[in-house]
Amino acid sequence: MKRNRLIILILGLLLFLTGIWAYPKIDQFFKVDSCLDKDGRWNYETKECEFESIEDGSVSEKTDSLNGYNQLADEQGRNIYIISEYNTDLESKNINRPEKSIITNPTVDTTELFKIWTLDPDGPHADFWFKPTEFYIVDYDGDGAMPYLLNRDSLTIFYNDFIQKGKIVSVSKDTLKIHWNNTESPTQYLEWKN
């Protein structure tokens, strides 16, 4: 009788340890499969699904005549944006946005992150307000509240008609550096004091 209990205990322990070992592999398999089903590309380093808008074999960039898209990452005033993985028609505004912002395992100090930030402290207004519930764009035409995903230090902001991704390089008491995708160097923001 004791021997049967010992065998059952050992088998149960082996099954449990096998489940712990196999779960991440099975979970990643389903995430990769789902990503590929949506015509995405799985990035094994960041463990995220990436999408591209492809025209002539390259990532599509288009000039915005309305002036203002991608301002947060554009210190030179180039007025560019990248068409999101979901959007091919700007008039339709068909971005698949999450209902609320999601923060997962942040590697940055969120108490320092959740502030009002600006590129130019002498300018007339701030650029954005990073809140736990939204990424609020100041002086944005229409609704300035944008949902976002913060996974470790990777940031994805869901605007009405495009998606902007970047990596939070550092955040301190009064300085925030974000390296937006498709920019050469990180953009530095200062805490808005006015």
C-alpha atoms as a PDB file:
ATOM      1  CA  MET A   1       0.000   0.000   0.000  1.00  0.00           C
ATOM      2  CA  LYS A   2       2.816   2.418   0.904  1.00  0.00           C
ATOM      3  CA  ARG A   3       4.640   1.470  -2.266  1.00  0.00           C
ATOM      4  CA  ASN A   4       1.586   2.354  -4.438  1.00  0.00           C
ATOM      5  CA  ARG A   5       1.291   5.765  -2.743  1.00  0.00           C
ATOM      6  CA  LEU A   6       5.002   6.418  -3.316  1.00  0.00           C
ATOM      7  CA  ILE A   7       4.693   5.504  -7.013  1.00  0.00           C
ATOM      8  CA  ILE A   8       1.626   7.731  -7.419  1.00  0.00           C
ATOM      9  CA  LEU A   9       3.409  10.598  -5.627  1.00  0.00           C
ATOM     10  CA  ILE A  10       6.513  10.249  -7.831  1.00  0.00           C
ATOM     11  CA  LEU A  11       4.407  10.061 -11.020  1.00  0.00           C
ATOM     12  CA  GLY A  12       2.391  13.092  -9.913  1.00  0.00           C
ATOM     13  CA  LEU A  13       5.581  15.047  -9.192  1.00  0.00           C
ATOM     14  CA  LEU A  14       7.065  14.094 -12.587  1.00  0.00           C
ATOM     15  CA  LEU A  15       3.856  15.103 -14.334  1.00  0.00           C
ATOM     16  CA  PHE A  16       3.837  18.443 -12.486  1.00  0.00           C
ATOM     17  CA  LEU A  17       7.500  19.183 -13.357  1.00  0.00           C
ATOM     18  CA  THR A  18       6.877  18.213 -16.989  1.00  0.00           C
ATOM     19  CA  GLY A  19       3.941  20.630 -17.078  1.00  0.00           C
ATOM     20  CA  ILE A  20       6.104  23.453 -15.691  1.00  0.00           C
ATOM     21  CA  TRP A  21       8.763  22.733 -18.319  1.00  0.00           C
ATOM     22  CA  ALA A  22       6.314  22.359 -21.233  1.00  0.00           C
ATOM     23  CA  TYR A  23       3.905  25.248 -20.531  1.00  0.00           C
ATOM     24  CA  PRO A  24       6.168  28.107 -21.816  1.00  0.00           C
ATOM     25  CA  LYS A  25       6.949  26.156 -24.983  1.00  0.00           C
ATOM     26  CA  ILE A  26       3.293  25.345 -25.668  1.00  0.00           C
ATOM     27  CA  ASP A  27       2.224  28.913 -24.856  1.00  0.00           C
ATOM     28  CA  GLN A  28       4.826  30.362 -27.239  1.00  0.00           C
ATOM     29  CA  PHE A  29       3.797  27.887 -29.957  1.00  0.00           C
ATOM     30  CA  PHE A  30       0.195  29.139 -29.825  1.00  0.00           C
ATOM     31  CA  LYS A  31       1.294  32.807 -29.774  1.00  0.00           C
ATOM     32  CA  VAL A  32       3.559  32.292 -32.804  1.00  0.00           C
ATOM     33  CA  ASP A  33       0.811  30.394 -34.618  1.00  0.00           C
ATOM     34  CA  SER A  34      -1.721  33.144 -33.923  1.00  0.00           C
ATOM     35  CA  CYS A  35       0.760  35.791 -35.081  1.00  0.00           C
ATOM     36  CA  LEU A  36       1.456  33.979 -38.335  1.00  0.00           C
ATOM     37  CA  ASP A  37      -2.273  33.469 -38.926  1.00  0.00           C
ATOM     38  CA  LYS A  38      -2.653  37.270 -38.799  1.00  0.00           C
ATOM     39  CA  ASP A  39       0.142  37.665 -41.409  1.00  0.00           C
ATOM     40  CA  GLY A  40       2.567  38.903 -38.788  1.00  0.00           C
ATOM     41  CA  ARG A  41       6.178  38.067 -38.070  1.00  0.00           C
ATOM     42  CA  TRP A  42       7.178  36.651 -34.669  1.00  0.00           C
ATOM     43  CA  ASN A  43      10.173  38.360 -33.032  1.00  0.00           C
ATOM     44  CA  TYR A  44      11.821  35.707 -30.863  1.00  0.00           C
ATOM     45  CA  GLU A  45      13.980  38.276 -29.039  1.00  0.00           C
ATOM     46  CA  THR A  46      11.128  40.479 -27.818  1.00  0.00           C
ATOM     47  CA  LYS A  47       8.548  37.659 -27.938  1.00  0.00           C
ATOM     48  CA  GLU A  48       6.105  39.943 -29.758  1.00  0.00           C
ATOM     49  CA  CYS A  49       4.158  39.753 -32.988  1.00  0.00           C
ATOM     50  CA  GLU A  50       5.293  42.376 -35.494  1.00  0.00           C
ATOM     51  CA  PHE A  51       3.446  43.598 -38.556  1.00  0.00           C
ATOM     52  CA  GLU A  52       4.552  45.572 -41.590  1.00  0.00           C
ATOM     53  CA  SER A  53       2.699  47.457 -44.243  1.00  0.00           C
ATOM     54  CA  ILE A  54       4.508  46.354 -47.373  1.00  0.00           C
ATOM     55  CA  GLU A  55       4.707  48.307 -50.598  1.00  0.00           C
ATOM     56  CA  ASP A  56       7.418  47.346 -53.078  1.00  0.00           C
ATOM     57  CA  GLY A  57       9.108  45.132 -50.470  1.00  0.00           C
ATOM     58  CA  SER A  58       9.746  47.807 -47.853  1.00  0.00           C
ATOM     59  CA  VAL A  59       8.012  49.278 -44.841  1.00  0.00           C
ATOM     60  CA  SER A  60       5.621  51.928 -46.035  1.00  0.00           C
ATOM     61  CA  GLU A  61       6.022  55.526 -44.872  1.00  0.00           C
ATOM     62  CA  LYS A  62       3.729  58.262 -46.090  1.00  0.00           C
ATOM     63  CA  THR A  63       3.752  61.993 -45.563  1.00  0.00           C
ATOM     64  CA  ASP A  64       0.888  63.420 -43.562  1.00  0.00           C
ATOM     65  CA  SER A  65      -0.421  66.691 -44.918  1.00  0.00           C
ATOM     66  CA  LEU A  66      -2.363  67.362 -41.728  1.00  0.00           C
ATOM     67  CA  ASN A  67       0.884  67.971 -39.767  1.00  0.00           C
ATOM     68  CA  GLY A  68       0.998  66.327 -36.408  1.00  0.00           C
ATOM     69  CA  TYR A  69       1.295  62.577 -36.688  1.00  0.00           C
ATOM     70  CA  ASN A  70       4.277  61.023 -34.961  1.00  0.00           C
ATOM     71  CA  GLN A  71       5.260  64.380 -33.457  1.00  0.00           C
ATOM     72  CA  LEU A  72       6.368  62.716 -30.257  1.00  0.00           C
ATOM     73  CA  ALA A  73       9.265  60.982 -31.967  1.00  0.00           C
ATOM     74  CA  ASP A  74      10.056  63.606 -34.569  1.00  0.00           C
ATOM     75  CA  GLU A  75      12.347  66.332 -33.264  1.00  0.00           C
ATOM     76  CA  GLN A  76      13.252  67.392 -36.806  1.00  0.00           C
ATOM     77  CA  GLY A  77       9.622  68.107 -37.769  1.00  0.00           C
ATOM     78  CA  ARG A  78       9.522  65.600 -40.628  1.00  0.00           C
ATOM     79  CA  ASN A  79       5.794  64.983 -40.104  1.00  0.00           C
ATOM     80  CA  ILE A  80       5.836  61.289 -40.928  1.00  0.00           C
ATOM     81  CA  TYR A  81       3.906  58.357 -39.627  1.00  0.00           C
ATOM     82  CA  ILE A  82       3.913  54.676 -40.343  1.00  0.00           C
ATOM     83  CA  ILE A  83       0.757  52.988 -41.520  1.00  0.00           C
ATOM     84  CA  SER A  84      -0.202  50.468 -38.919  1.00  0.00           C
ATOM     85  CA  GLU A  85      -0.471  46.773 -39.446  1.00  0.00           C
ATOM     86  CA  TYR A  86      -4.265  47.102 -39.479  1.00  0.00           C
ATOM     87  CA  ASN A  87      -4.721  50.293 -41.440  1.00  0.00           C
ATOM     88  CA  THR A  88      -4.414  50.780 -45.171  1.00  0.00           C
ATOM     89  CA  ASP A  89      -7.103  53.425 -45.585  1.00  0.00           C
ATOM     90  CA  LEU A  90      -6.697  56.527 -43.411  1.00  0.00           C
ATOM     91  CA  GLU A  91     -10.304  57.510 -43.874  1.00  0.00           C
ATOM     92  CA  SER A  92     -11.584  54.306 -42.318  1.00  0.00           C
ATOM     93  CA  LYS A  93      -9.693  54.597 -39.028  1.00  0.00           C
ATOM     94  CA  ASN A  94      -9.828  50.856 -38.627  1.00  0.00           C
ATOM     95  CA  ILE A  95      -7.173  50.336 -35.958  1.00  0.00           C
ATOM     96  CA  ASN A  96      -7.852  47.360 -33.722  1.00  0.00           C
ATOM     97  CA  ARG A  97      -7.359  49.170 -30.397  1.00  0.00           C
ATOM     98  CA  PRO A  98      -7.531  47.538 -26.986  1.00  0.00           C
ATOM     99  CA  GLU A  99     -10.353  48.745 -24.756  1.00  0.00           C
ATOM    100  CA  LYS A 100      -7.943  49.810 -22.009  1.00  0.00           C
ATOM    101  CA  SER A 101      -4.228  50.217 -21.402  1.00  0.00           C
ATOM    102  CA  ILE A 102      -2.322  47.145 -20.255  1.00  0.00           C
ATOM    103  CA  ILE A 103       0.864  47.164 -18.186  1.00  0.00           C
ATOM    104  CA  THR A 104       2.759  43.861 -17.942  1.00  0.00           C
ATOM    105  CA  ASN A 105       5.909  43.285 -15.852  1.00  0.00           C
ATOM    106  CA  PRO A 106       7.264  46.861 -16.171  1.00  0.00           C
ATOM    107  CA  THR A 107      11.041  47.204 -15.893  1.00  0.00           C
ATOM    108  CA  VAL A 108      10.773  50.990 -15.528  1.00  0.00           C
ATOM    109  CA  ASP A 109       9.725  52.916 -12.432  1.00  0.00           C
ATOM    110  CA  THR A 110       6.088  53.689 -13.180  1.00  0.00           C
ATOM    111  CA  THR A 111       5.875  56.201 -10.327  1.00  0.00           C
ATOM    112  CA  GLU A 112       8.376  58.313 -12.273  1.00  0.00           C
ATOM    113  CA  LEU A 113       6.783  57.495 -15.635  1.00  0.00           C
ATOM    114  CA  PHE A 114       3.240  58.623 -14.837  1.00  0.00           C
ATOM    115  CA  LYS A 115       3.772  62.365 -15.319  1.00  0.00           C
ATOM    116  CA  ILE A 116       3.257  65.122 -17.870  1.00  0.00           C
ATOM    117  CA  TRP A 117       6.115  65.288 -20.424  1.00  0.00           C
ATOM    118  CA  THR A 118       7.335  67.757 -23.040  1.00  0.00           C
ATOM    119  CA  LEU A 119      10.061  68.078 -25.661  1.00  0.00           C
ATOM    120  CA  ASP A 120      10.341  71.835 -25.092  1.00  0.00           C
ATOM    121  CA  PRO A 121      10.015  73.059 -21.488  1.00  0.00           C
ATOM    122  CA  ASP A 122       9.767  76.644 -22.776  1.00  0.00           C
ATOM    123  CA  GLY A 123       6.958  75.793 -25.215  1.00  0.00           C
ATOM    124  CA  PRO A 124       3.308  76.789 -24.784  1.00  0.00           C
ATOM    125  CA  HIS A 125       2.103  73.334 -23.697  1.00  0.00           C
ATOM    126  CA  ALA A 126       3.189  69.825 -22.799  1.00  0.00           C
ATOM    127  CA  ASP A 127       3.299  67.019 -25.354  1.00  0.00           C
ATOM    128  CA  PHE A 128       1.669  64.124 -23.487  1.00  0.00           C
ATOM    129  CA  TRP A 129       0.476  62.924 -20.130  1.00  0.00           C
ATOM    130  CA  PHE A 130       1.486  59.359 -19.317  1.00  0.00           C
ATOM    131  CA  LYS A 131      -1.223  57.953 -17.026  1.00  0.00           C
ATOM    132  CA  PRO A 132      -1.783  54.436 -15.678  1.00  0.00           C
ATOM    133  CA  THR A 133      -4.997  54.285 -17.708  1.00  0.00           C
ATOM    134  CA  GLU A 134      -4.087  56.179 -20.901  1.00  0.00           C
ATOM    135  CA  PHE A 135      -1.469  57.980 -22.963  1.00  0.00           C
ATOM    136  CA  TYR A 136      -3.040  61.419 -23.311  1.00  0.00           C
ATOM    137  CA  ILE A 137      -1.814  63.552 -26.228  1.00  0.00           C
ATOM    138  CA  VAL A 138      -2.027  67.269 -25.471  1.00  0.00           C
ATOM    139  CA  ASP A 139      -3.386  69.467 -28.304  1.00  0.00           C
ATOM    140  CA  TYR A 140      -4.553  66.486 -30.342  1.00  0.00           C
ATOM    141  CA  ASP A 141      -7.433  66.965 -32.743  1.00  0.00           C
ATOM    142  CA  GLY A 142     -10.303  64.994 -31.267  1.00  0.00           C
ATOM    143  CA  ASP A 143      -9.940  62.549 -28.426  1.00  0.00           C
ATOM    144  CA  GLY A 144      -6.401  62.726 -27.005  1.00  0.00           C
ATOM    145  CA  ALA A 145      -6.752  59.652 -24.772  1.00  0.00           C
ATOM    146  CA  MET A 146      -4.938  56.705 -26.345  1.00  0.00           C
ATOM    147  CA  PRO A 147      -4.756  53.177 -24.918  1.00  0.00           C
ATOM    148  CA  TYR A 148      -1.297  51.663 -24.724  1.00  0.00           C
ATOM    149  CA  LEU A 149       0.551  48.456 -23.951  1.00  0.00           C
ATOM    150  CA  LEU A 150       3.618  48.564 -21.714  1.00  0.00           C
ATOM    151  CA  ASN A 151       5.335  45.174 -21.681  1.00  0.00           C
ATOM    152  CA  ARG A 152       8.564  45.414 -19.663  1.00  0.00           C
ATOM    153  CA  ASP A 153      10.143  48.437 -21.420  1.00  0.00           C
ATOM    154  CA  SER A 154       8.371  48.041 -24.784  1.00  0.00           C
ATOM    155  CA  LEU A 155       5.687  50.641 -25.423  1.00  0.00           C
ATOM    156  CA  THR A 156       2.905  50.407 -28.025  1.00  0.00           C
ATOM    157  CA  ILE A 157       0.512  53.351 -28.370  1.00  0.00           C
ATOM    158  CA  PHE A 158      -2.756  52.875 -30.265  1.00  0.00           C
ATOM    159  CA  TYR A 159      -3.712  56.145 -31.952  1.00  0.00           C
ATOM    160  CA  ASN A 160      -6.964  56.428 -33.863  1.00  0.00           C
ATOM    161  CA  ASP A 161      -5.328  55.708 -37.217  1.00  0.00           C
ATOM    162  CA  PHE A 162      -1.869  54.275 -36.566  1.00  0.00           C
ATOM    163  CA  ILE A 163       0.198  52.395 -34.017  1.00  0.00           C
ATOM    164  CA  GLN A 164       3.457  53.762 -32.643  1.00  0.00           C
ATOM    165  CA  LYS A 165       6.009  51.506 -30.974  1.00  0.00           C
ATOM    166  CA  GLY A 166       9.086  52.298 -28.970  1.00  0.00           C
ATOM    167  CA  LYS A 167      11.310  51.284 -26.089  1.00  0.00           C
ATOM    168  CA  ILE A 168      11.577  53.238 -22.853  1.00  0.00           C
ATOM    169  CA  VAL A 169      15.327  53.669 -22.468  1.00  0.00           C
ATOM    170  CA  SER A 170      15.234  55.435 -19.092  1.00  0.00           C
ATOM    171  CA  VAL A 171      13.009  57.416 -16.778  1.00  0.00           C
ATOM    172  CA  SER A 172      14.091  59.509 -13.822  1.00  0.00           C
ATOM    173  CA  LYS A 173      12.657  62.267 -11.672  1.00  0.00           C
ATOM    174  CA  ASP A 174      12.456  64.795 -14.517  1.00  0.00           C
ATOM    175  CA  THR A 175      13.703  63.034 -17.688  1.00  0.00           C
ATOM    176  CA  LEU A 176      12.161  60.376 -19.924  1.00  0.00           C
ATOM    177  CA  LYS A 177      13.958  58.818 -22.914  1.00  0.00           C
ATOM    178  CA  ILE A 178      12.007  56.780 -25.459  1.00  0.00           C
ATOM    179  CA  HIS A 179      13.587  55.227 -28.529  1.00  0.00           C
ATOM    180  CA  TRP A 180      10.707  55.227 -30.985  1.00  0.00           C
ATOM    181  CA  ASN A 181      10.857  52.692 -33.819  1.00  0.00           C
ATOM    182  CA  ASN A 182      12.141  54.191 -37.072  1.00  0.00           C
ATOM    183  CA  THR A 183      14.150  56.917 -35.326  1.00  0.00           C
ATOM    184  CA  GLU A 184      17.925  56.973 -35.186  1.00  0.00           C
ATOM    185  CA  SER A 185      18.309  57.927 -31.544  1.00  0.00           C
ATOM    186  CA  PRO A 186      16.185  58.121 -28.383  1.00  0.00           C
ATOM    187  CA  THR A 187      13.923  61.134 -27.886  1.00  0.00           C
ATOM    188  CA  GLN A 188      14.367  62.934 -24.575  1.00  0.00           C
ATOM    189  CA  TYR A 189      11.396  64.483 -22.789  1.00  0.00           C
ATOM    190  CA  LEU A 190      11.434  66.692 -19.727  1.00  0.00           C
ATOM    191  CA  GLU A 191       8.799  66.797 -17.029  1.00  0.00           C
ATOM    192  CA  TRP A 192       6.289  69.596 -17.653  1.00  0.00           C
ATOM    193  CA  LYS A 193       6.530  71.999 -14.714  1.00  0.00           C
ATOM    194  CA  ASN A 194       4.181  74.855 -15.754  1.00  0.00           C
END
